[in-house]
Amino acid sequence: MSEAAASPRRRDAAATRDALLVAARELFDAHGFRGTTVRMIGERAGVDQALIARYFGGKSELYRAVLADAGAQPEVGADDAPVPKRRTPREVVDLLLERVDEHGVGPVLRALTAPDVDAETRERLTERLRARVIVPLTRSLKESGATAPKLRAELIVAMLIGVMTTRANGSLPSVSAADRDELAELLERMLGG
C-alpha cells in the first residue's frame, strides 16, 4: 500500500478520535461520568460506540483522555507548568481565581468535585493538585510558622474550589460579580496570610 493511500485512513482515525473526545467532553459536562453512556458518546460523535474501546480502551480511559486534553486550556494542576517549590496563600488565591475567571469551571475542576468519578481518575487528579498546589502551599505555610500547615493548605484549596465553583456558576451573585482583585484581597485576609 502506498503512503498516499495510507494517509487518508490516518486522518479519518484522528478525526474519529477527536470527534469522540469532543462528544465525550460535552456529554460528561452535561450528564457527569455515570450519566453518560458509551452509546450516547458514539451517537453524538456519529461513530460506532465500539471505537471508544479501540481508541481509548473504555469509558474510564476516554474520561481520563478528556481530562488530559483539557491541558490545552490551563487549569488547576496543568502539566505544562513547572512545579513551584512554594506558593503563598495569596499566590494560590490569584492562580485559582484567574483560571476560573478566564476558563470557567473546566473538566478537571468538575472531576475534582463530582461524586461519580472513578477512584483511579480522582486519585490522578488529586495527585496533580497535591503536587502543583497543596505541597508548595504547605511548604510556604510551614516556613511562615503556621500550625498544621498540611491541613491548612488543604482547607485553603477546598475553600477556593468552592469559591471557584460558585463564582463560575453564579449561585452566589455577590461572589460572581466581585472584582477579582477585591475578592483575592478579602480571601487573603480571611486566610490570614
N, C-alpha and C. Protein backbone atom coordinates (compact mmCIF):
# COMPACT_ATOMS: atom_id res chain seq x y z
N MET A 1 0.85 -1.18 0.00
CA MET A 1 0.00 0.00 0.00
C MET A 1 0.89 1.23 0.00
N SER A 2 0.59 2.20 -0.86
CA SER A 2 1.42 3.40 -0.93
C SER A 2 1.16 4.30 0.26
N GLU A 3 2.11 5.22 0.50
CA GLU A 3 1.97 6.16 1.62
C GLU A 3 0.77 7.08 1.41
N ALA A 4 0.52 7.47 0.15
CA ALA A 4 -0.61 8.35 -0.15
C ALA A 4 -1.93 7.67 0.19
N ALA A 5 -2.02 6.37 -0.08
CA ALA A 5 -3.26 5.65 0.21
C ALA A 5 -3.46 5.49 1.71
N ALA A 6 -2.38 5.42 2.47
CA ALA A 6 -2.49 5.25 3.93
C ALA A 6 -2.84 6.54 4.64
N SER A 7 -2.47 7.69 4.09
CA SER A 7 -2.70 8.97 4.76
C SER A 7 -4.16 9.27 5.08
N PRO A 8 -5.09 9.11 4.11
CA PRO A 8 -6.49 9.41 4.45
C PRO A 8 -7.00 8.57 5.62
N ARG A 9 -6.57 7.33 5.71
CA ARG A 9 -7.01 6.46 6.80
C ARG A 9 -6.56 7.03 8.15
N ARG A 10 -5.32 7.51 8.21
CA ARG A 10 -4.82 8.10 9.45
C ARG A 10 -5.61 9.36 9.78
N ARG A 11 -5.90 10.16 8.79
CA ARG A 11 -6.67 11.38 9.05
C ARG A 11 -8.07 11.03 9.54
N ASP A 12 -8.68 10.00 8.97
CA ASP A 12 -10.00 9.58 9.43
C ASP A 12 -9.94 9.08 10.88
N ALA A 13 -8.91 8.31 11.20
CA ALA A 13 -8.76 7.81 12.57
C ALA A 13 -8.58 8.97 13.53
N ALA A 14 -7.77 9.95 13.15
CA ALA A 14 -7.55 11.13 14.01
C ALA A 14 -8.85 11.91 14.16
N ALA A 15 -9.58 12.05 13.06
CA ALA A 15 -10.85 12.79 13.12
C ALA A 15 -11.87 12.05 13.99
N THR A 16 -11.89 10.73 13.89
CA THR A 16 -12.80 9.94 14.71
C THR A 16 -12.44 10.07 16.18
N ARG A 17 -11.15 9.97 16.49
CA ARG A 17 -10.68 10.12 17.88
C ARG A 17 -11.06 11.50 18.42
N ASP A 18 -10.83 12.54 17.61
CA ASP A 18 -11.17 13.90 18.03
C ASP A 18 -12.68 14.05 18.24
N ALA A 19 -13.47 13.45 17.34
CA ALA A 19 -14.93 13.53 17.46
C ALA A 19 -15.40 12.86 18.75
N LEU A 20 -14.77 11.75 19.08
CA LEU A 20 -15.12 11.06 20.33
C LEU A 20 -14.75 11.92 21.54
N LEU A 21 -13.59 12.57 21.51
CA LEU A 21 -13.19 13.44 22.62
C LEU A 21 -14.15 14.61 22.78
N VAL A 22 -14.53 15.25 21.68
CA VAL A 22 -15.46 16.39 21.73
C VAL A 22 -16.81 15.94 22.26
N ALA A 23 -17.33 14.86 21.72
CA ALA A 23 -18.64 14.35 22.16
C ALA A 23 -18.60 13.97 23.63
N ALA A 24 -17.56 13.28 24.03
CA ALA A 24 -17.43 12.86 25.43
C ALA A 24 -17.35 14.06 26.36
N ARG A 25 -16.54 15.06 25.99
CA ARG A 25 -16.41 16.26 26.83
C ARG A 25 -17.78 16.92 27.03
N GLU A 26 -18.52 17.09 25.94
CA GLU A 26 -19.85 17.72 26.02
C GLU A 26 -20.79 16.92 26.90
N LEU A 27 -20.80 15.60 26.71
CA LEU A 27 -21.72 14.75 27.47
C LEU A 27 -21.31 14.61 28.92
N PHE A 28 -20.01 14.46 29.19
CA PHE A 28 -19.57 14.39 30.58
C PHE A 28 -19.88 15.69 31.31
N ASP A 29 -19.71 16.82 30.63
CA ASP A 29 -20.05 18.11 31.25
C ASP A 29 -21.54 18.21 31.54
N ALA A 30 -22.35 17.71 30.63
CA ALA A 30 -23.80 17.82 30.79
C ALA A 30 -24.40 16.78 31.74
N HIS A 31 -23.87 15.55 31.71
CA HIS A 31 -24.51 14.45 32.44
C HIS A 31 -23.64 13.78 33.49
N GLY A 32 -22.37 14.19 33.60
CA GLY A 32 -21.47 13.54 34.53
C GLY A 32 -20.96 12.22 33.98
N PHE A 33 -20.05 11.61 34.70
CA PHE A 33 -19.45 10.35 34.25
C PHE A 33 -20.49 9.23 34.20
N ARG A 34 -21.20 9.03 35.30
CA ARG A 34 -22.18 7.92 35.35
C ARG A 34 -23.37 8.14 34.43
N GLY A 35 -23.78 9.39 34.25
CA GLY A 35 -24.95 9.68 33.43
C GLY A 35 -24.67 9.63 31.94
N THR A 36 -23.43 9.46 31.57
CA THR A 36 -23.04 9.39 30.16
C THR A 36 -22.74 7.94 29.80
N THR A 37 -23.35 7.46 28.73
CA THR A 37 -23.09 6.08 28.28
C THR A 37 -22.22 6.11 27.03
N VAL A 38 -21.56 4.98 26.76
CA VAL A 38 -20.75 4.90 25.54
C VAL A 38 -21.64 5.01 24.31
N ARG A 39 -22.85 4.53 24.41
CA ARG A 39 -23.79 4.66 23.29
C ARG A 39 -24.07 6.13 22.99
N MET A 40 -24.30 6.93 24.05
CA MET A 40 -24.53 8.37 23.86
C MET A 40 -23.33 9.04 23.18
N ILE A 41 -22.13 8.67 23.62
CA ILE A 41 -20.92 9.27 23.07
C ILE A 41 -20.78 8.90 21.60
N GLY A 42 -20.95 7.62 21.28
CA GLY A 42 -20.86 7.18 19.89
C GLY A 42 -21.87 7.90 19.01
N GLU A 43 -23.12 8.00 19.49
CA GLU A 43 -24.16 8.68 18.71
C GLU A 43 -23.82 10.15 18.49
N ARG A 44 -23.36 10.83 19.56
CA ARG A 44 -23.02 12.26 19.45
C ARG A 44 -21.85 12.45 18.48
N ALA A 45 -20.88 11.54 18.51
CA ALA A 45 -19.72 11.64 17.62
C ALA A 45 -20.03 11.16 16.21
N GLY A 46 -21.15 10.45 16.04
CA GLY A 46 -21.51 9.93 14.73
C GLY A 46 -20.69 8.72 14.30
N VAL A 47 -20.25 7.94 15.32
CA VAL A 47 -19.44 6.76 15.03
C VAL A 47 -19.94 5.58 15.86
N ASP A 48 -19.47 4.40 15.53
CA ASP A 48 -19.82 3.21 16.29
C ASP A 48 -19.21 3.31 17.69
N GLN A 49 -20.00 3.03 18.71
CA GLN A 49 -19.52 3.12 20.10
C GLN A 49 -18.35 2.17 20.37
N ALA A 50 -18.21 1.12 19.59
CA ALA A 50 -17.10 0.18 19.77
C ALA A 50 -15.75 0.84 19.54
N LEU A 51 -15.74 1.97 18.81
CA LEU A 51 -14.48 2.67 18.57
C LEU A 51 -13.93 3.31 19.84
N ILE A 52 -14.76 3.50 20.85
CA ILE A 52 -14.27 4.01 22.13
C ILE A 52 -13.26 3.02 22.70
N ALA A 53 -13.60 1.74 22.68
CA ALA A 53 -12.67 0.71 23.17
C ALA A 53 -11.42 0.65 22.29
N ARG A 54 -11.60 0.79 21.01
CA ARG A 54 -10.45 0.71 20.10
C ARG A 54 -9.46 1.85 20.33
N TYR A 55 -9.97 3.08 20.45
CA TYR A 55 -9.08 4.23 20.56
C TYR A 55 -8.66 4.56 21.99
N PHE A 56 -9.50 4.21 22.96
CA PHE A 56 -9.23 4.64 24.33
C PHE A 56 -9.15 3.49 25.34
N GLY A 57 -9.76 2.36 25.05
CA GLY A 57 -9.76 1.24 25.97
C GLY A 57 -11.07 1.08 26.70
N GLY A 58 -11.82 2.14 26.87
CA GLY A 58 -13.10 2.09 27.56
C GLY A 58 -13.53 3.48 28.00
N LYS A 59 -14.68 3.54 28.65
CA LYS A 59 -15.26 4.82 29.07
C LYS A 59 -14.37 5.55 30.07
N SER A 60 -13.82 4.84 31.06
CA SER A 60 -12.96 5.48 32.06
C SER A 60 -11.71 6.07 31.42
N GLU A 61 -11.11 5.34 30.50
CA GLU A 61 -9.92 5.83 29.82
C GLU A 61 -10.25 7.02 28.92
N LEU A 62 -11.43 7.00 28.30
CA LEU A 62 -11.87 8.14 27.50
C LEU A 62 -12.06 9.35 28.40
N TYR A 63 -12.62 9.13 29.57
CA TYR A 63 -12.82 10.24 30.52
C TYR A 63 -11.47 10.85 30.90
N ARG A 64 -10.49 10.00 31.18
CA ARG A 64 -9.15 10.50 31.51
C ARG A 64 -8.53 11.22 30.32
N ALA A 65 -8.80 10.75 29.10
CA ALA A 65 -8.29 11.43 27.90
C ALA A 65 -8.93 12.81 27.76
N VAL A 66 -10.21 12.92 28.08
CA VAL A 66 -10.88 14.23 28.06
C VAL A 66 -10.21 15.16 29.06
N LEU A 67 -9.91 14.65 30.25
CA LEU A 67 -9.26 15.48 31.26
C LEU A 67 -7.85 15.86 30.83
N ALA A 68 -7.12 14.93 30.24
CA ALA A 68 -5.77 15.23 29.76
C ALA A 68 -5.82 16.24 28.63
N ASP A 69 -6.82 16.12 27.76
CA ASP A 69 -7.00 17.05 26.64
C ASP A 69 -7.28 18.46 27.16
N ALA A 70 -7.83 18.55 28.37
CA ALA A 70 -8.11 19.86 28.95
C ALA A 70 -6.83 20.63 29.21
N GLY A 71 -5.67 19.95 29.16
CA GLY A 71 -4.40 20.63 29.33
C GLY A 71 -4.16 21.69 28.27
N ALA A 72 -4.91 21.63 27.16
CA ALA A 72 -4.80 22.67 26.14
C ALA A 72 -5.31 24.00 26.69
N GLN A 73 -6.17 23.94 27.71
CA GLN A 73 -6.64 25.13 28.40
C GLN A 73 -6.08 25.06 29.81
N PRO A 74 -5.24 26.03 30.19
CA PRO A 74 -4.63 25.95 31.52
C PRO A 74 -5.69 25.80 32.60
N GLU A 75 -5.44 24.93 33.51
CA GLU A 75 -6.39 24.65 34.58
C GLU A 75 -5.65 24.19 35.80
N VAL A 76 -6.37 24.00 36.87
CA VAL A 76 -5.75 23.54 38.11
C VAL A 76 -4.91 22.31 37.82
N GLY A 77 -3.65 22.36 38.19
CA GLY A 77 -2.78 21.21 38.03
C GLY A 77 -2.33 20.94 36.61
N ALA A 78 -2.41 21.94 35.72
CA ALA A 78 -1.98 21.71 34.34
C ALA A 78 -0.55 21.21 34.33
N ASP A 79 -0.28 20.21 33.49
CA ASP A 79 1.03 19.56 33.48
C ASP A 79 2.12 20.35 32.79
N ASP A 80 1.79 21.39 32.02
CA ASP A 80 2.80 22.06 31.23
C ASP A 80 3.60 23.10 32.01
N ALA A 81 3.21 23.42 33.21
CA ALA A 81 3.92 24.42 34.01
C ALA A 81 4.88 23.73 34.97
N PRO A 82 6.04 24.38 35.24
CA PRO A 82 6.95 23.78 36.21
C PRO A 82 6.33 23.80 37.61
N VAL A 83 6.67 22.80 38.40
CA VAL A 83 6.14 22.71 39.76
C VAL A 83 6.92 23.68 40.64
N PRO A 84 6.24 24.63 41.29
CA PRO A 84 6.94 25.58 42.15
C PRO A 84 7.36 24.92 43.47
N LYS A 85 8.42 25.44 44.07
CA LYS A 85 8.87 24.92 45.36
C LYS A 85 7.94 25.35 46.48
N ARG A 86 7.40 26.56 46.37
CA ARG A 86 6.47 27.05 47.39
C ARG A 86 5.50 28.03 46.76
N ARG A 87 4.33 28.14 47.36
CA ARG A 87 3.31 29.11 46.94
C ARG A 87 2.72 29.72 48.20
N THR A 88 2.56 31.02 48.19
CA THR A 88 1.91 31.67 49.32
C THR A 88 0.40 31.53 49.16
N PRO A 89 -0.36 31.70 50.26
CA PRO A 89 -1.82 31.66 50.11
C PRO A 89 -2.31 32.65 49.06
N ARG A 90 -1.74 33.85 49.00
CA ARG A 90 -2.19 34.84 48.01
C ARG A 90 -1.90 34.36 46.59
N GLU A 91 -0.75 33.73 46.37
CA GLU A 91 -0.44 33.20 45.04
C GLU A 91 -1.44 32.14 44.63
N VAL A 92 -1.84 31.30 45.56
CA VAL A 92 -2.83 30.26 45.27
C VAL A 92 -4.18 30.90 44.94
N VAL A 93 -4.59 31.88 45.75
CA VAL A 93 -5.85 32.59 45.50
C VAL A 93 -5.83 33.20 44.10
N ASP A 94 -4.77 33.95 43.78
CA ASP A 94 -4.68 34.60 42.48
C ASP A 94 -4.69 33.59 41.33
N LEU A 95 -3.92 32.52 41.48
CA LEU A 95 -3.83 31.50 40.44
C LEU A 95 -5.19 30.87 40.16
N LEU A 96 -5.87 30.43 41.20
CA LEU A 96 -7.13 29.72 41.01
C LEU A 96 -8.25 30.64 40.55
N LEU A 97 -8.32 31.85 41.07
CA LEU A 97 -9.35 32.79 40.62
C LEU A 97 -9.14 33.18 39.16
N GLU A 98 -7.89 33.40 38.79
CA GLU A 98 -7.59 33.76 37.41
C GLU A 98 -8.01 32.64 36.46
N ARG A 99 -7.70 31.41 36.82
CA ARG A 99 -8.04 30.29 35.94
C ARG A 99 -9.53 30.12 35.77
N VAL A 100 -10.29 30.24 36.85
CA VAL A 100 -11.74 30.05 36.69
C VAL A 100 -12.36 31.24 35.97
N ASP A 101 -11.86 32.45 36.21
CA ASP A 101 -12.40 33.63 35.52
C ASP A 101 -12.12 33.58 34.03
N GLU A 102 -10.95 33.08 33.66
CA GLU A 102 -10.58 33.08 32.25
C GLU A 102 -11.04 31.84 31.50
N HIS A 103 -11.22 30.72 32.21
CA HIS A 103 -11.54 29.46 31.52
C HIS A 103 -12.81 28.79 32.03
N GLY A 104 -13.43 29.35 33.05
CA GLY A 104 -14.62 28.73 33.61
C GLY A 104 -14.27 27.46 34.38
N VAL A 105 -15.31 26.78 34.80
CA VAL A 105 -15.12 25.51 35.50
C VAL A 105 -14.86 24.47 34.42
N GLY A 106 -13.61 24.08 34.30
CA GLY A 106 -13.23 23.11 33.28
C GLY A 106 -13.41 21.69 33.76
N PRO A 107 -13.05 20.74 32.91
CA PRO A 107 -13.27 19.33 33.24
C PRO A 107 -12.48 18.84 34.46
N VAL A 108 -11.30 19.41 34.70
CA VAL A 108 -10.52 18.95 35.85
C VAL A 108 -11.20 19.37 37.15
N LEU A 109 -11.62 20.63 37.25
CA LEU A 109 -12.32 21.09 38.45
C LEU A 109 -13.64 20.33 38.63
N ARG A 110 -14.35 20.11 37.53
CA ARG A 110 -15.60 19.33 37.61
C ARG A 110 -15.32 17.93 38.16
N ALA A 111 -14.27 17.31 37.67
CA ALA A 111 -13.94 15.95 38.10
C ALA A 111 -13.53 15.92 39.57
N LEU A 112 -12.85 16.97 40.03
CA LEU A 112 -12.45 17.01 41.44
C LEU A 112 -13.65 17.13 42.37
N THR A 113 -14.74 17.70 41.88
CA THR A 113 -15.91 17.92 42.74
C THR A 113 -17.07 16.98 42.44
N ALA A 114 -16.98 16.18 41.39
CA ALA A 114 -18.07 15.29 41.01
C ALA A 114 -18.05 14.01 41.83
N PRO A 115 -19.20 13.58 42.33
CA PRO A 115 -19.25 12.36 43.13
C PRO A 115 -19.15 11.08 42.30
N ASP A 116 -19.32 11.19 40.98
CA ASP A 116 -19.39 9.97 40.16
C ASP A 116 -18.11 9.68 39.38
N VAL A 117 -16.99 10.24 39.78
CA VAL A 117 -15.73 9.98 39.10
C VAL A 117 -15.10 8.73 39.69
N ASP A 118 -14.56 7.87 38.82
CA ASP A 118 -13.96 6.63 39.32
C ASP A 118 -12.73 6.93 40.18
N ALA A 119 -12.42 6.04 41.08
CA ALA A 119 -11.37 6.26 42.09
C ALA A 119 -10.00 6.52 41.46
N GLU A 120 -9.66 5.80 40.40
CA GLU A 120 -8.34 5.99 39.77
C GLU A 120 -8.21 7.39 39.18
N THR A 121 -9.25 7.85 38.49
CA THR A 121 -9.21 9.19 37.90
C THR A 121 -9.12 10.24 39.00
N ARG A 122 -9.93 10.10 40.05
CA ARG A 122 -9.90 11.07 41.15
C ARG A 122 -8.51 11.11 41.79
N GLU A 123 -7.90 9.95 41.98
CA GLU A 123 -6.57 9.90 42.60
C GLU A 123 -5.53 10.58 41.72
N ARG A 124 -5.59 10.36 40.41
CA ARG A 124 -4.64 11.01 39.50
C ARG A 124 -4.78 12.53 39.56
N LEU A 125 -6.02 13.01 39.54
CA LEU A 125 -6.26 14.45 39.60
C LEU A 125 -5.85 15.03 40.94
N THR A 126 -6.16 14.33 42.00
CA THR A 126 -5.79 14.79 43.34
C THR A 126 -4.28 14.85 43.48
N GLU A 127 -3.59 13.88 42.91
CA GLU A 127 -2.13 13.88 42.98
C GLU A 127 -1.55 15.09 42.23
N ARG A 128 -2.12 15.42 41.08
CA ARG A 128 -1.67 16.62 40.34
C ARG A 128 -1.91 17.87 41.16
N LEU A 129 -3.10 17.98 41.75
CA LEU A 129 -3.42 19.13 42.58
C LEU A 129 -2.49 19.20 43.78
N ARG A 130 -2.25 18.06 44.38
CA ARG A 130 -1.35 17.99 45.54
C ARG A 130 0.06 18.48 45.16
N ALA A 131 0.60 17.96 44.06
CA ALA A 131 1.97 18.31 43.65
C ALA A 131 2.10 19.77 43.25
N ARG A 132 1.11 20.30 42.54
CA ARG A 132 1.23 21.64 41.97
C ARG A 132 0.74 22.75 42.89
N VAL A 133 -0.14 22.43 43.82
CA VAL A 133 -0.72 23.49 44.65
C VAL A 133 -0.55 23.20 46.15
N ILE A 134 -0.98 22.05 46.60
CA ILE A 134 -1.01 21.78 48.04
C ILE A 134 0.39 21.66 48.65
N VAL A 135 1.28 20.90 48.02
CA VAL A 135 2.63 20.74 48.58
C VAL A 135 3.38 22.07 48.61
N PRO A 136 3.39 22.85 47.51
CA PRO A 136 4.08 24.14 47.59
C PRO A 136 3.45 25.10 48.61
N LEU A 137 2.14 25.07 48.74
CA LEU A 137 1.47 25.90 49.74
C LEU A 137 1.81 25.42 51.15
N THR A 138 1.84 24.12 51.36
CA THR A 138 2.21 23.57 52.67
C THR A 138 3.61 24.02 53.06
N ARG A 139 4.56 23.98 52.12
CA ARG A 139 5.93 24.43 52.40
C ARG A 139 5.95 25.89 52.84
N SER A 140 5.21 26.71 52.11
CA SER A 140 5.16 28.13 52.43
C SER A 140 4.57 28.36 53.81
N LEU A 141 3.48 27.66 54.13
CA LEU A 141 2.84 27.81 55.44
C LEU A 141 3.77 27.32 56.56
N LYS A 142 4.47 26.22 56.29
CA LYS A 142 5.40 25.68 57.28
C LYS A 142 6.53 26.68 57.56
N GLU A 143 7.07 27.27 56.49
CA GLU A 143 8.14 28.26 56.63
C GLU A 143 7.68 29.50 57.40
N SER A 144 6.38 29.82 57.29
CA SER A 144 5.87 31.00 57.99
C SER A 144 5.49 30.69 59.44
N GLY A 145 5.63 29.41 59.83
CA GLY A 145 5.34 29.03 61.21
C GLY A 145 3.89 28.71 61.49
N ALA A 146 3.09 28.52 60.45
CA ALA A 146 1.67 28.21 60.64
C ALA A 146 1.51 26.85 61.30
N THR A 147 0.50 26.73 62.14
CA THR A 147 0.20 25.44 62.75
C THR A 147 -0.54 24.57 61.73
N ALA A 148 -0.33 23.26 61.82
CA ALA A 148 -0.98 22.28 60.94
C ALA A 148 -0.93 22.73 59.47
N PRO A 149 0.27 22.94 58.92
CA PRO A 149 0.38 23.50 57.57
C PRO A 149 -0.27 22.65 56.48
N LYS A 150 -0.17 21.33 56.57
CA LYS A 150 -0.78 20.49 55.52
C LYS A 150 -2.30 20.59 55.57
N LEU A 151 -2.87 20.48 56.76
CA LEU A 151 -4.33 20.61 56.90
C LEU A 151 -4.78 21.98 56.45
N ARG A 152 -4.05 23.00 56.85
CA ARG A 152 -4.42 24.37 56.47
C ARG A 152 -4.35 24.53 54.95
N ALA A 153 -3.32 23.99 54.32
CA ALA A 153 -3.20 24.07 52.86
C ALA A 153 -4.40 23.40 52.18
N GLU A 154 -4.77 22.22 52.65
CA GLU A 154 -5.92 21.51 52.06
C GLU A 154 -7.22 22.28 52.29
N LEU A 155 -7.37 22.89 53.45
CA LEU A 155 -8.57 23.69 53.72
C LEU A 155 -8.63 24.92 52.81
N ILE A 156 -7.49 25.55 52.60
CA ILE A 156 -7.44 26.71 51.69
C ILE A 156 -7.87 26.29 50.30
N VAL A 157 -7.33 25.18 49.81
CA VAL A 157 -7.67 24.72 48.47
C VAL A 157 -9.14 24.31 48.39
N ALA A 158 -9.64 23.63 49.42
CA ALA A 158 -11.06 23.23 49.43
C ALA A 158 -11.96 24.46 49.40
N MET A 159 -11.62 25.46 50.19
CA MET A 159 -12.42 26.69 50.20
C MET A 159 -12.38 27.36 48.83
N LEU A 160 -11.20 27.41 48.23
CA LEU A 160 -11.07 28.06 46.93
C LEU A 160 -11.79 27.30 45.83
N ILE A 161 -11.81 25.98 45.92
CA ILE A 161 -12.59 25.21 44.94
C ILE A 161 -14.07 25.59 45.04
N GLY A 162 -14.56 25.74 46.26
CA GLY A 162 -15.94 26.19 46.45
C GLY A 162 -16.17 27.59 45.89
N VAL A 163 -15.24 28.49 46.16
CA VAL A 163 -15.35 29.86 45.64
C VAL A 163 -15.32 29.84 44.11
N MET A 164 -14.39 29.08 43.55
CA MET A 164 -14.29 29.00 42.09
C MET A 164 -15.57 28.46 41.46
N THR A 165 -16.11 27.43 42.06
CA THR A 165 -17.31 26.80 41.51
C THR A 165 -18.51 27.75 41.58
N THR A 166 -18.73 28.37 42.74
CA THR A 166 -19.88 29.27 42.87
C THR A 166 -19.67 30.55 42.06
N ARG A 167 -18.44 30.98 41.91
CA ARG A 167 -18.16 32.16 41.08
C ARG A 167 -18.50 31.86 39.62
N ALA A 168 -18.12 30.69 39.17
CA ALA A 168 -18.35 30.32 37.77
C ALA A 168 -19.82 30.02 37.46
N ASN A 169 -20.51 29.38 38.41
CA ASN A 169 -21.90 29.00 38.09
C ASN A 169 -22.93 30.03 38.52
N GLY A 170 -22.50 31.09 39.21
CA GLY A 170 -23.41 32.18 39.55
C GLY A 170 -24.33 31.91 40.71
N SER A 171 -24.12 30.83 41.46
CA SER A 171 -25.04 30.51 42.55
C SER A 171 -24.95 31.49 43.71
N LEU A 172 -23.85 32.19 43.84
CA LEU A 172 -23.72 33.25 44.84
C LEU A 172 -23.41 34.54 44.07
N PRO A 173 -24.43 35.35 43.78
CA PRO A 173 -24.27 36.50 42.89
C PRO A 173 -23.20 37.51 43.32
N SER A 174 -23.06 37.75 44.61
CA SER A 174 -22.04 38.72 45.06
C SER A 174 -20.64 38.18 44.79
N VAL A 175 -20.44 36.90 44.98
CA VAL A 175 -19.14 36.29 44.71
C VAL A 175 -18.87 36.33 43.21
N SER A 176 -19.88 36.02 42.41
CA SER A 176 -19.73 36.02 40.96
C SER A 176 -19.42 37.41 40.41
N ALA A 177 -20.05 38.44 40.98
CA ALA A 177 -19.91 39.80 40.47
C ALA A 177 -18.69 40.54 41.02
N ALA A 178 -18.09 40.03 42.08
CA ALA A 178 -16.98 40.73 42.72
C ALA A 178 -15.78 40.87 41.79
N ASP A 179 -15.12 42.01 41.89
CA ASP A 179 -13.87 42.22 41.19
C ASP A 179 -12.85 41.20 41.70
N ARG A 180 -12.09 40.61 40.79
CA ARG A 180 -11.17 39.55 41.17
C ARG A 180 -10.13 40.02 42.20
N ASP A 181 -9.59 41.21 42.01
CA ASP A 181 -8.59 41.70 42.97
C ASP A 181 -9.21 41.94 44.35
N GLU A 182 -10.43 42.50 44.35
CA GLU A 182 -11.13 42.72 45.63
C GLU A 182 -11.41 41.39 46.32
N LEU A 183 -11.86 40.43 45.56
CA LEU A 183 -12.15 39.11 46.10
C LEU A 183 -10.87 38.46 46.63
N ALA A 184 -9.78 38.58 45.88
CA ALA A 184 -8.50 38.00 46.32
C ALA A 184 -8.03 38.64 47.61
N GLU A 185 -8.19 39.96 47.74
CA GLU A 185 -7.79 40.65 48.98
C GLU A 185 -8.62 40.16 50.16
N LEU A 186 -9.93 40.03 49.98
CA LEU A 186 -10.79 39.55 51.05
C LEU A 186 -10.42 38.12 51.46
N LEU A 187 -10.21 37.28 50.46
CA LEU A 187 -9.83 35.89 50.74
C LEU A 187 -8.49 35.83 51.46
N GLU A 188 -7.54 36.65 51.03
CA GLU A 188 -6.23 36.67 51.67
C GLU A 188 -6.36 37.05 53.14
N ARG A 189 -7.19 38.06 53.43
CA ARG A 189 -7.39 38.45 54.83
C ARG A 189 -8.06 37.33 55.61
N MET A 190 -9.02 36.66 55.01
CA MET A 190 -9.71 35.56 55.69
C MET A 190 -8.75 34.40 55.96
N LEU A 191 -7.81 34.20 55.04
CA LEU A 191 -6.84 33.11 55.19
C LEU A 191 -5.71 33.48 56.14
N GLY A 192 -5.64 34.76 56.49
CA GLY A 192 -4.62 35.20 57.42
C GLY A 192 -3.23 35.21 56.83
N GLY A 193 -3.13 35.46 55.54
CA GLY A 193 -1.79 35.40 55.03
C GLY A 193 -1.53 36.07 53.77
